[in-house]
Amino acid sequence: LALTPAKLFILSLEDLFKETDQQNFPGTTAEYPNWSLKMKYTLEEFRSDPKVKAFCRMFRNWIDKSGRSQSTSVL
């Protein structure tokens, strides 16, 4: 998706952190704490972790290759 010319690209924190735990289990209410899992990293760790930075660079490269980084924002 990052390599397509789509106008909108959203990267969730779960994807960025390569989370394997599912955030939401559809059809559950009391059985599972939907949308309330803690992030893997603190904000400070997020800013300094080499793995997170490398993953961000990978997505930035994909966006640059798609040509979207040069386009004008519609917002």
Foldseek 3Di string as FASTA:
>chain_A
DLQALDLDDDDDLCNLVVPPDDQADPPDDVPDPHNDDDRPDDPVCCVPPPSSVVSVVVSVVSNVNNVNVVDDRPD
